[in-house]
Each structure stands twice: as structure tokens, then as C-alpha cells.
Amino acid sequence: MIIGAQFFTLRDFCKTPDGLAESLEKVADIGYKSVQISGVCPYDPKWLAEQLEKNGLTCDLTHTPFDRLVKETENVIADHKTFGCRYIGIGGYNGLCEESDVEYVKNAAKQIAPIMKKEGCLFMYHNHFTEFTKNENGKTRLVELAEKTSPDELGFTFDTYWGQYGGADLSDYAALLDGRVPCIHFKDYKIEKHEVRMAAVGDGNINFEKLAAIFEKSGTKYVFVEQDNTYGEDPFDCLRRSYEYLRSIGLE
């Protein structure tokens, strides 16, 4: 699997094109070959393509505003094709623990899937913790969403921290999502000072060596390191530690 950096981790450094360009260079210097663009300043797709090429990077996943993705699907796809990105995602849908919200995402996926598929792209959904609440049949909302869509209509960016926070058995979800996780977020989970915290990969209690083997076998291609909150640490240092740890367990 290819190690990528989720730029939501660096969002405070990417509020301008100059800041985004500098951050891309720093991430490439760490050794990352792939990035996910999310939570950054507005950018021109051609400019981003140039910056990626300059730094030997690829952008393989984004988080895109849901409304724009649904209402301007063709334009969104064209932008992504400019910088060579196949996986076009949303960061979640607030309140997915309600059945109506599962239906909303399902219907949106079915609407845009034919356009996406024609252009070689895939709509991706990223979970938080509410997706692990169960419906009346005892299935989590995340599994329910998977059952109501096809692999051509919706892929999943499985987030390990939020899965752990939601009480999931993380290793089960490679099978429960039936090979539909081409991209995964590796974000560690630890208890510090009597509170739950996000952590650099390898600094917490999630068994990433085990998860990497399971998800790679199920077809996951990209591991994006994400840490929403670094609790005062330099996020570039956190990304470096995560990268070095993942390299140490055999990822590229």
C-alpha cells in the first residue's frame, strides 16, 4: 500500500496557495508520494497539477463539498482529472445515524455514479463515529449504507480512529465493506491525561501492522495519515513520525 498525507492535518498551514505549495514540498521531503487534498485554500486545478509534478507527488483522494459534488458533478470530475485524481470523496454527512441520512447519501451516490464511472472516478464516503450506531436490525449505519449501494456507486474511506471511538472491531470492516475501501485513514487512538486523543500513527494503541495486512488483502491501495488535532505538536513532525512508523512495518 502507498502511504499518503491527508492535508486536513496541515490545514492551518494551507490557507493560501503559497502555504499549500510550501506544505506540499515539506511532505514530499518527508518521503510521502501521495496526498489527499482536504480543508485547504481554494486552488486552480492546473496549478495543483504543476505543484504535484514539481514535488513528485500524486493526489489520489479529495474531500469535496457535498453540494458541489452533487450539483456540479461534471465540473468536479473535470477538475479532478486535471490533477489526476480518481477518488472523489466527502468527509461525512452529519447525523448519519438517522435512516433518512443513509437514504440521502445512497440517493446521491446513485445519481452521480453513472457520471463518475464513465470518467473512471469513484464517489467516496468517509466515516466518523455516528456511523457505528446500529439500526433496528442490529447493523451499523455504515454497513447499511454499503448494502444499499453497489461498489460502482460508492467506495469508503475507512477512518480507524473514528471506528475505534465508535466501538467497532476495526479488522472486521475489511470484510464488512467487502473490498470497497481503496483508501483508508490511519489515525491512532490513545488515552492521555484521562482523555481520548488522536495520535501519530504508532503512538497509540491501534494495531496498524495487523490492520495494514488485512486491508491490503481486501484491496486497499492507499493509506492516508490523518491527525485532526496534534495537541500543540508540529503537525509536520507528527506526519514524519507516522511515515517512519509505517515504513518500518513494510508500507511504501
Protein backbone atom coordinates (compact mmCIF):
# COMPACT_ATOMS: atom_id res chain seq x y z
CA MET A 1 0.00 0.00 0.00
CA ILE A 2 1.10 3.56 -0.73
CA ILE A 3 1.49 5.96 2.20
CA GLY A 4 -0.19 9.34 1.72
CA ALA A 5 -0.61 12.51 3.78
CA GLN A 6 -4.10 13.83 4.45
CA PHE A 7 -3.78 17.61 4.18
CA PHE A 8 -6.58 18.26 6.65
CA THR A 9 -3.79 17.61 9.16
CA LEU A 10 -1.97 20.66 7.73
CA ARG A 11 -4.98 22.88 7.11
CA ASP A 12 -3.65 25.74 9.28
CA PHE A 13 -0.59 25.91 7.03
CA CYS A 14 -2.56 25.78 3.78
CA LYS A 15 -4.76 28.86 3.97
CA THR A 16 -3.05 30.43 0.94
CA PRO A 17 -1.63 28.96 -2.29
CA ASP A 18 1.88 29.81 -1.08
CA GLY A 19 1.26 27.93 2.15
CA LEU A 20 -0.17 24.96 0.29
CA ALA A 21 2.82 24.90 -2.08
CA GLU A 22 5.26 25.00 0.82
CA SER A 23 3.39 22.23 2.63
CA LEU A 24 3.44 20.01 -0.46
CA GLU A 25 7.21 20.46 -0.63
CA LYS A 26 7.66 19.63 3.06
CA VAL A 27 5.51 16.50 2.80
CA ALA A 28 7.49 15.34 -0.24
CA ASP A 29 10.73 15.94 1.69
CA ILE A 30 9.48 13.60 4.42
CA GLY A 31 9.10 10.90 1.78
CA TYR A 32 5.39 10.85 1.03
CA LYS A 33 4.46 10.08 -2.58
CA SER A 34 0.71 10.65 -2.34
CA VAL A 35 -1.57 13.25 -0.77
CA GLN A 36 -5.23 13.77 -0.04
CA ILE A 37 -6.32 17.37 -0.53
CA SER A 38 -8.88 18.42 2.06
CA GLY A 39 -9.54 21.53 4.12
CA VAL A 40 -7.11 23.74 2.18
CA CYS A 41 -7.47 27.10 0.44
CA PRO A 42 -9.15 27.43 -2.98
CA TYR A 43 -6.77 26.40 -5.74
CA ASP A 44 -6.65 26.23 -9.52
CA PRO A 45 -6.61 22.58 -10.67
CA LYS A 46 -3.87 23.27 -13.24
CA TRP A 47 -1.76 24.98 -10.59
CA LEU A 48 -2.19 21.99 -8.27
CA ALA A 49 -1.19 19.61 -11.06
CA GLU A 50 2.00 21.62 -11.56
CA GLN A 51 2.80 21.65 -7.85
CA LEU A 52 2.26 17.91 -7.57
CA GLU A 53 4.52 17.19 -10.52
CA LYS A 54 7.18 19.57 -9.19
CA ASN A 55 7.32 17.64 -5.91
CA GLY A 56 6.97 14.11 -7.27
CA LEU A 57 3.56 13.69 -5.68
CA THR A 58 0.17 12.39 -6.76
CA CYS A 59 -3.19 13.45 -5.37
CA ASP A 60 -5.26 10.29 -5.14
CA LEU A 61 -8.20 11.41 -2.99
CA THR A 62 -10.01 14.60 -2.06
CA HIS A 63 -12.81 15.69 0.18
CA THR A 64 -15.12 17.91 -1.83
CA PRO A 65 -18.17 19.87 -0.60
CA PHE A 66 -21.19 17.59 -0.90
CA ASP A 67 -23.46 20.17 -2.53
CA ARG A 68 -20.92 20.97 -5.24
CA LEU A 69 -20.28 17.31 -5.90
CA VAL A 70 -24.00 16.64 -6.41
CA LYS A 71 -24.91 19.84 -8.27
CA GLU A 72 -21.74 20.33 -10.34
CA THR A 73 -20.67 16.72 -10.86
CA GLU A 74 -19.21 17.16 -14.35
CA ASN A 75 -17.16 20.21 -13.33
CA VAL A 76 -15.86 18.48 -10.21
CA ILE A 77 -14.77 15.46 -12.25
CA ALA A 78 -13.07 17.69 -14.83
CA ASP A 79 -11.13 19.46 -12.07
CA HIS A 80 -10.00 16.15 -10.60
CA LYS A 81 -8.95 14.76 -13.95
CA THR A 82 -6.75 17.83 -14.42
CA PHE A 83 -4.59 16.77 -11.48
CA GLY A 84 -5.07 13.04 -11.99
CA CYS A 85 -7.29 12.18 -9.02
CA ARG A 86 -9.71 9.27 -9.33
CA TYR A 87 -11.22 9.09 -5.84
CA ILE A 88 -13.57 12.00 -5.07
CA GLY A 89 -14.91 11.95 -1.55
CA ILE A 90 -16.94 13.70 1.08
CA GLY A 91 -15.82 13.99 4.66
CA GLY A 92 -19.05 12.59 6.05
CA TYR A 93 -22.68 13.51 6.37
CA ASN A 94 -23.65 14.92 9.74
CA GLY A 95 -26.21 12.80 11.55
CA LEU A 96 -25.78 9.64 9.51
CA CYS A 97 -27.13 7.71 12.49
CA GLU A 98 -30.60 8.58 11.16
CA GLU A 99 -32.02 6.33 8.45
CA SER A 100 -33.11 9.30 6.33
CA ASP A 101 -29.48 10.38 6.08
CA VAL A 102 -28.41 6.95 4.87
CA GLU A 103 -31.07 7.30 2.20
CA TYR A 104 -29.84 10.77 1.27
CA VAL A 105 -26.26 9.60 0.71
CA LYS A 106 -27.49 6.48 -1.09
CA ASN A 107 -29.64 8.53 -3.46
CA ALA A 108 -26.82 10.98 -4.14
CA ALA A 109 -24.46 8.10 -4.92
CA LYS A 110 -26.93 6.56 -7.36
CA GLN A 111 -27.40 9.93 -9.04
CA ILE A 112 -23.75 10.69 -9.67
CA ALA A 113 -22.34 7.15 -10.01
CA PRO A 114 -23.03 6.75 -13.75
CA ILE A 115 -21.24 10.03 -14.50
CA MET A 116 -18.35 9.12 -12.21
CA LYS A 117 -17.96 5.63 -13.65
CA LYS A 118 -17.93 6.91 -17.23
CA GLU A 119 -14.95 9.11 -16.37
CA GLY A 120 -13.11 6.46 -14.36
CA CYS A 121 -13.81 8.09 -10.98
CA LEU A 122 -15.44 6.83 -7.79
CA PHE A 123 -17.51 8.63 -5.15
CA MET A 124 -16.01 8.01 -1.69
CA TYR A 125 -17.59 8.25 1.76
CA HIS A 126 -15.58 8.93 4.95
CA ASN A 127 -16.96 7.83 8.31
CA HIS A 128 -16.90 9.42 11.73
CA PHE A 129 -18.25 7.69 14.84
CA THR A 130 -22.01 8.04 14.41
CA GLU A 131 -21.96 5.57 11.53
CA PHE A 132 -21.29 2.81 14.08
CA THR A 133 -24.66 3.18 15.78
CA LYS A 134 -26.94 0.27 14.97
CA ASN A 135 -30.32 0.18 13.28
CA GLU A 136 -33.29 -1.93 14.32
CA ASN A 137 -31.75 -4.94 12.57
CA GLY A 138 -28.54 -4.69 14.55
CA LYS A 139 -26.45 -3.45 11.63
CA THR A 140 -24.31 -0.36 11.84
CA ARG A 141 -25.29 2.57 9.65
CA LEU A 142 -22.02 2.18 7.76
CA VAL A 143 -22.84 -1.41 6.81
CA GLU A 144 -26.40 -0.35 5.97
CA LEU A 145 -25.06 2.28 3.58
CA ALA A 146 -22.79 -0.31 1.96
CA GLU A 147 -25.70 -2.72 1.50
CA LYS A 148 -27.84 -0.04 -0.14
CA THR A 149 -25.19 0.90 -2.71
CA SER A 150 -23.05 -1.05 -5.13
CA PRO A 151 -19.23 -0.99 -5.40
CA ASP A 152 -19.60 1.06 -8.60
CA GLU A 153 -21.72 3.64 -6.78
CA LEU A 154 -19.84 4.19 -3.55
CA GLY A 155 -16.44 3.47 -2.04
CA PHE A 156 -15.40 4.01 1.55
CA THR A 157 -12.50 5.84 3.16
CA PHE A 158 -12.48 3.94 6.44
CA ASP A 159 -11.20 6.03 9.37
CA THR A 160 -9.51 3.90 12.04
CA TYR A 161 -9.69 6.43 14.87
CA TRP A 162 -13.39 7.08 14.46
CA GLY A 163 -14.05 3.37 14.12
CA GLN A 164 -12.26 2.73 17.40
CA TYR A 165 -14.08 5.67 19.01
CA GLY A 166 -17.38 4.25 17.79
CA GLY A 167 -16.66 0.86 19.36
CA ALA A 168 -16.05 -1.04 16.12
CA ASP A 169 -13.83 -4.09 15.70
CA LEU A 170 -11.64 -2.44 13.08
CA SER A 171 -10.36 -5.63 11.48
CA ASP A 172 -13.93 -6.77 10.74
CA TYR A 173 -14.60 -3.87 8.41
CA ALA A 174 -12.32 -5.08 5.62
CA ALA A 175 -14.86 -7.89 5.12
CA LEU A 176 -17.97 -5.96 6.13
CA LEU A 177 -17.23 -3.34 3.47
CA ASP A 178 -16.49 -6.13 1.01
CA GLY A 179 -13.27 -4.84 -0.55
CA ARG A 180 -14.74 -1.37 -1.04
CA VAL A 181 -12.01 0.51 0.84
CA PRO A 182 -9.46 1.61 -1.79
CA CYS A 183 -8.37 4.37 0.58
CA ILE A 184 -8.07 4.24 4.36
CA HIS A 185 -7.30 6.84 7.02
CA PHE A 186 -4.71 5.70 9.53
CA LYS A 187 -5.12 7.82 12.65
CA ASP A 188 -4.08 6.47 16.03
CA TYR A 189 -6.10 6.43 19.24
CA LYS A 190 -4.71 6.82 22.73
CA ILE A 191 -5.68 7.77 26.25
CA GLU A 192 -3.68 10.63 27.73
CA LYS A 193 -4.41 12.66 30.83
CA HIS A 194 -7.69 10.78 31.26
CA GLU A 195 -8.98 11.77 27.83
CA VAL A 196 -9.21 10.17 24.42
CA ARG A 197 -6.79 11.72 21.95
CA MET A 198 -5.84 11.38 18.31
CA ALA A 199 -2.20 10.43 17.86
CA ALA A 200 0.51 9.99 15.27
CA VAL A 201 0.37 6.50 13.78
CA GLY A 202 2.33 4.16 16.05
CA ASP A 203 1.99 6.38 19.13
CA GLY A 204 -1.36 4.96 20.27
CA ASN A 205 -2.98 1.58 20.83
CA ILE A 206 -4.31 0.59 17.38
CA ASN A 207 -2.57 -2.42 15.84
CA PHE A 208 -1.74 -0.93 12.44
CA GLU A 209 0.55 -3.76 11.38
CA LYS A 210 -2.38 -6.16 11.65
CA LEU A 211 -4.81 -3.74 10.00
CA ALA A 212 -2.46 -2.98 7.12
CA ALA A 213 -2.17 -6.69 6.28
CA ILE A 214 -5.94 -7.25 6.47
CA PHE A 215 -6.94 -4.21 4.42
CA GLU A 216 -4.22 -4.72 1.84
CA LYS A 217 -5.51 -8.25 1.28
CA SER A 218 -9.02 -6.84 0.79
CA GLY A 219 -7.82 -4.40 -1.87
CA THR A 220 -6.89 -1.17 -0.09
CA LYS A 221 -4.38 0.80 -2.20
CA TYR A 222 -3.72 4.00 -0.27
CA VAL A 223 -3.09 4.69 3.41
CA PHE A 224 -3.61 8.36 4.23
CA VAL A 225 -2.17 9.56 7.52
CA GLU A 226 -4.55 11.97 9.22
CA GLN A 227 -4.42 13.70 12.60
CA ASP A 228 -7.11 16.33 13.05
CA ASN A 229 -5.63 17.54 16.34
CA THR A 230 -1.93 17.40 17.22
CA TYR A 231 -2.39 18.99 20.68
CA GLY A 232 0.30 21.62 20.22
CA GLU A 233 2.82 19.41 18.43
CA ASP A 234 4.12 20.39 15.00
CA PRO A 235 1.84 18.50 12.58
CA PHE A 236 4.75 18.05 10.16
CA ASP A 237 6.64 16.23 12.91
CA CYS A 238 3.57 14.07 13.54
CA LEU A 239 3.37 13.24 9.84
CA ARG A 240 7.07 12.39 9.85
CA ARG A 241 6.74 10.00 12.81
CA SER A 242 3.72 8.36 11.22
CA TYR A 243 5.56 7.94 7.92
CA GLU A 244 8.63 6.44 9.57
CA TYR A 245 6.49 4.02 11.57
CA LEU A 246 4.53 2.87 8.52
CA ARG A 247 7.75 2.40 6.59
CA SER A 248 9.07 0.29 9.46
CA ILE A 249 6.15 -2.14 9.10
CA GLY A 250 6.62 -2.51 5.37
CA LEU A 251 4.41 0.10 3.73
CA GLU A 252 5.64 2.25 0.88
